[in-house]
N, C-alpha and C. Protein backbone atom coordinates (compact mmCIF):
# COMPACT_ATOMS: atom_id res chain seq x y z
N UNK A 1 -13.50 17.18 2.09
CA UNK A 1 -11.83 17.06 2.99
C UNK A 1 -11.19 16.88 1.80
N UNK A 2 -9.89 17.91 2.29
CA UNK A 2 -8.78 17.88 1.31
C UNK A 2 -7.80 16.64 1.55
N UNK A 3 -7.40 15.88 0.75
CA UNK A 3 -6.56 15.10 0.85
C UNK A 3 -4.99 15.33 1.35
N UNK A 4 -4.13 14.87 1.96
CA UNK A 4 -2.97 15.12 2.32
C UNK A 4 -2.21 14.50 1.38
N UNK A 5 -1.06 15.43 0.88
CA UNK A 5 0.13 15.03 -0.02
C UNK A 5 1.25 14.07 0.58
N UNK A 6 1.29 13.11 0.08
CA UNK A 6 2.24 12.25 0.49
C UNK A 6 3.29 11.83 -0.31
N UNK A 7 4.47 11.22 0.02
CA UNK A 7 5.66 10.94 -1.09
C UNK A 7 5.27 9.23 -1.15
N UNK A 8 5.59 8.96 -2.25
CA UNK A 8 5.39 7.23 -2.17
C UNK A 8 6.19 6.48 -1.43
N UNK A 9 7.61 7.20 -0.78
CA UNK A 9 8.19 6.14 0.01
C UNK A 9 7.65 6.40 1.26
N UNK A 10 7.12 7.48 1.74
CA UNK A 10 6.31 7.46 2.99
C UNK A 10 4.81 6.58 3.06
N UNK A 11 4.35 6.42 1.98
CA UNK A 11 3.25 5.43 1.98
C UNK A 11 3.50 4.31 2.14
N UNK A 12 4.63 4.03 1.27
CA UNK A 12 5.28 2.28 1.50
C UNK A 12 5.51 2.30 3.08
N UNK A 13 5.90 2.96 3.47
CA UNK A 13 6.29 3.26 5.18
C UNK A 13 5.00 2.66 5.79
N UNK A 14 3.89 3.67 5.65
CA UNK A 14 2.69 3.40 6.15
C UNK A 14 2.22 1.94 5.92
N UNK A 15 2.21 1.45 4.79
CA UNK A 15 1.94 0.28 4.51
C UNK A 15 2.81 -1.07 5.14
N UNK A 16 4.05 -0.79 5.59
CA UNK A 16 4.74 -1.62 6.09
C UNK A 16 4.47 -1.97 7.78
N UNK A 17 4.22 -0.54 8.11
CA UNK A 17 4.02 -0.44 9.58
C UNK A 17 2.79 -1.07 9.80
N UNK A 18 1.31 -0.93 9.07
CA UNK A 18 -0.02 -1.38 9.22
C UNK A 18 0.08 -3.00 9.20
N UNK A 19 0.60 -3.42 8.09
CA UNK A 19 0.76 -4.63 7.73
C UNK A 19 1.63 -5.48 8.73
N UNK A 20 2.49 -5.17 9.35
CA UNK A 20 3.34 -5.76 10.30
C UNK A 20 2.82 -6.38 11.55
N UNK A 21 1.56 -5.78 11.64
CA UNK A 21 0.57 -6.31 12.92
C UNK A 21 -0.03 -7.47 12.76
N UNK A 22 -0.15 -7.79 11.18
CA UNK A 22 -0.64 -9.15 10.84
C UNK A 22 -0.22 -10.17 10.74
N UNK A 23 -0.27 -11.43 11.24
CA UNK A 23 0.39 -12.55 11.08
C UNK A 23 0.73 -13.17 9.42
N UNK A 24 -0.60 -12.81 8.81
CA UNK A 24 -0.79 -13.43 7.62
C UNK A 24 0.09 -12.43 6.42
N UNK A 25 0.72 -11.49 6.71
CA UNK A 25 1.60 -10.77 5.78
C UNK A 25 3.14 -10.96 6.13
N UNK A 26 4.05 -11.19 5.18
CA UNK A 26 5.59 -11.31 5.71
C UNK A 26 6.02 -10.41 6.26
N UNK A 27 7.05 -10.41 7.13
CA UNK A 27 7.74 -9.24 7.37
C UNK A 27 8.27 -8.29 6.61
N UNK A 28 8.65 -8.47 5.78
CA UNK A 28 9.15 -7.32 4.88
C UNK A 28 8.93 -7.52 3.56
N UNK A 29 7.44 -7.46 3.25
CA UNK A 29 6.88 -7.71 1.87
C UNK A 29 7.27 -6.25 1.05
N UNK A 30 7.53 -6.98 0.12
CA UNK A 30 8.04 -5.97 -1.22
C UNK A 30 6.52 -5.05 -1.80
N UNK A 31 6.75 -3.66 -1.65
CA UNK A 31 5.47 -3.16 -2.07
C UNK A 31 5.94 -1.81 -2.65
N UNK A 32 5.36 -1.49 -3.91
CA UNK A 32 5.87 -0.44 -4.67
C UNK A 32 4.47 0.66 -4.76
N UNK A 33 4.61 1.92 -5.09
CA UNK A 33 3.41 2.49 -4.96
C UNK A 33 3.44 3.04 -6.88
N UNK A 34 2.51 2.96 -7.30
CA UNK A 34 2.29 3.37 -8.81
C UNK A 34 1.50 4.20 -9.17
N UNK A 35 1.89 5.55 -9.49
CA UNK A 35 0.82 6.34 -9.84
C UNK A 35 -0.19 6.07 -11.07
N UNK A 36 -1.54 6.25 -11.00
CA UNK A 36 -2.42 6.06 -12.08
C UNK A 36 -3.54 6.86 -11.91
N UNK A 37 -3.77 7.47 -13.04
CA UNK A 37 -5.22 8.33 -13.31
C UNK A 37 -5.24 9.21 -12.16
N UNK A 38 -4.52 10.08 -11.75
CA UNK A 38 -4.74 11.13 -10.75
C UNK A 38 -4.67 10.44 -9.01
N UNK A 39 -4.13 9.32 -9.29
CA UNK A 39 -4.37 8.36 -7.71
C UNK A 39 -3.01 7.65 -7.70
N UNK A 40 -3.30 6.46 -6.97
CA UNK A 40 -2.10 5.50 -7.04
C UNK A 40 -2.65 4.20 -6.67
N UNK A 41 -1.42 3.21 -7.02
CA UNK A 41 -1.98 1.56 -6.51
C UNK A 41 -0.73 1.04 -6.07
N UNK A 42 -1.02 0.22 -4.80
CA UNK A 42 0.00 -0.47 -4.52
C UNK A 42 -0.08 -1.66 -4.83
N UNK A 43 1.35 -2.20 -5.60
CA UNK A 43 1.59 -3.44 -6.28
C UNK A 43 2.52 -4.13 -5.21
N UNK A 44 3.05 -5.13 -5.28
CA UNK A 44 3.64 -6.22 -4.70
C UNK A 44 3.97 -7.32 -5.90
N UNK A 45 4.78 -8.49 -5.54
CA UNK A 45 5.12 -9.40 -6.40
C UNK A 45 4.25 -10.37 -6.66
N UNK A 46 4.37 -11.03 -7.68
CA UNK A 46 3.74 -12.33 -8.05
C UNK A 46 3.78 -13.40 -6.86
N UNK A 47 4.93 -13.50 -6.35
CA UNK A 47 5.55 -14.64 -5.44
C UNK A 47 4.32 -14.10 -4.08
N UNK A 48 4.59 -13.29 -4.08
CA UNK A 48 3.69 -12.63 -2.54
C UNK A 48 2.55 -12.81 -3.15
N UNK A 49 1.64 -12.56 -4.17
CA UNK A 49 0.32 -12.41 -4.66
C UNK A 49 -0.16 -13.91 -4.37
N UNK A 50 0.74 -14.69 -4.92
CA UNK A 50 0.34 -16.30 -4.80
C UNK A 50 0.39 -17.04 -3.64
N UNK A 51 1.57 -16.62 -3.06
CA UNK A 51 1.88 -17.37 -1.71
C UNK A 51 0.95 -16.55 -0.49
N UNK A 52 0.31 -15.46 -0.35
CA UNK A 52 -0.23 -14.83 0.82
C UNK A 52 -1.47 -14.15 0.29
N UNK A 53 -2.46 -15.08 -0.12
CA UNK A 53 -3.44 -14.19 -0.80
C UNK A 53 -4.52 -13.61 0.39
N UNK A 54 -4.39 -13.83 1.99
CA UNK A 54 -5.08 -12.86 3.01
C UNK A 54 -4.17 -11.87 3.01
N UNK A 55 -2.95 -11.80 2.65
CA UNK A 55 -2.30 -10.47 2.77
C UNK A 55 -2.90 -9.75 1.65
N UNK A 56 -2.69 -9.97 0.53
CA UNK A 56 -3.17 -9.22 -0.38
C UNK A 56 -4.48 -8.70 -0.35
N UNK A 57 -5.50 -9.22 0.32
CA UNK A 57 -6.92 -8.81 0.66
C UNK A 57 -6.54 -7.59 1.74
N UNK A 58 -5.72 -7.64 2.72
CA UNK A 58 -5.17 -6.63 3.85
C UNK A 58 -4.72 -5.34 2.86
N UNK A 59 -3.96 -5.78 1.97
CA UNK A 59 -3.22 -4.43 1.18
C UNK A 59 -4.26 -4.12 0.35
N UNK A 60 -5.10 -4.56 -0.09
CA UNK A 60 -6.03 -4.05 -0.80
C UNK A 60 -7.24 -2.91 0.00
N UNK A 61 -7.61 -3.59 1.29
CA UNK A 61 -8.27 -2.99 2.51
C UNK A 61 -7.55 -1.42 2.74
N UNK A 62 -6.25 -1.73 3.07
CA UNK A 62 -5.63 -0.57 3.37
C UNK A 62 -5.41 0.66 2.31
N UNK A 63 -5.17 0.07 0.96
CA UNK A 63 -5.61 0.90 -0.16
C UNK A 63 -6.50 1.67 -0.12
N UNK A 64 -7.76 1.15 -0.23
CA UNK A 64 -9.05 1.92 -0.29
C UNK A 64 -8.98 3.01 1.13
N UNK A 65 -8.52 2.68 2.15
CA UNK A 65 -8.43 3.39 3.28
C UNK A 65 -7.61 4.58 3.00
N UNK A 66 -6.68 4.54 2.80
CA UNK A 66 -5.51 5.50 2.74
C UNK A 66 -5.61 6.37 1.53
N UNK A 67 -6.49 5.99 0.26
CA UNK A 67 -6.62 6.40 -0.74
C UNK A 67 -7.71 7.52 -0.42
N UNK A 68 -8.44 7.56 0.47
CA UNK A 68 -9.43 8.23 1.12
C UNK A 68 -8.53 9.71 1.80
N UNK A 69 -7.61 9.29 2.41
CA UNK A 69 -6.87 10.33 3.17
C UNK A 69 -5.29 11.01 2.19
N UNK A 70 -4.82 10.26 1.44
CA UNK A 70 -3.66 10.55 0.64
C UNK A 70 -3.59 10.79 -0.81
N UNK A 71 -2.81 11.51 -1.18
CA UNK A 71 -2.69 11.97 -2.57
C UNK A 71 -1.17 11.73 -3.04
N UNK A 72 -0.93 11.15 -3.88
CA UNK A 72 0.66 10.93 -4.20
C UNK A 72 1.25 12.47 -4.51
N UNK A 73 2.18 12.92 -4.02
CA UNK A 73 2.62 14.16 -4.19
C UNK A 73 3.55 14.03 -5.51
N UNK A 74 3.88 15.14 -6.16
CA UNK A 74 4.38 15.20 -7.47
C UNK A 74 6.31 14.98 -7.08
N UNK A 75 6.69 14.19 -7.36
CA UNK A 75 8.16 13.97 -7.45
C UNK A 75 9.05 15.35 -7.65
């Protein structure tokens, strides 16, 4: 199955929307999408990683799911 090309901005928006439904993630969690070896990685600040470990697990889970569907579009 072909993956859908998406901009990093749209990908961040998808993360924000999906994470907003969970109580263990801050309302406006800072997320950046970083291209890596033909794929991408979602990253956040060290403060969030240390202060919200359950949210980080959710981000990693979402990242695995979204990587199966989306590929980062070239800027």
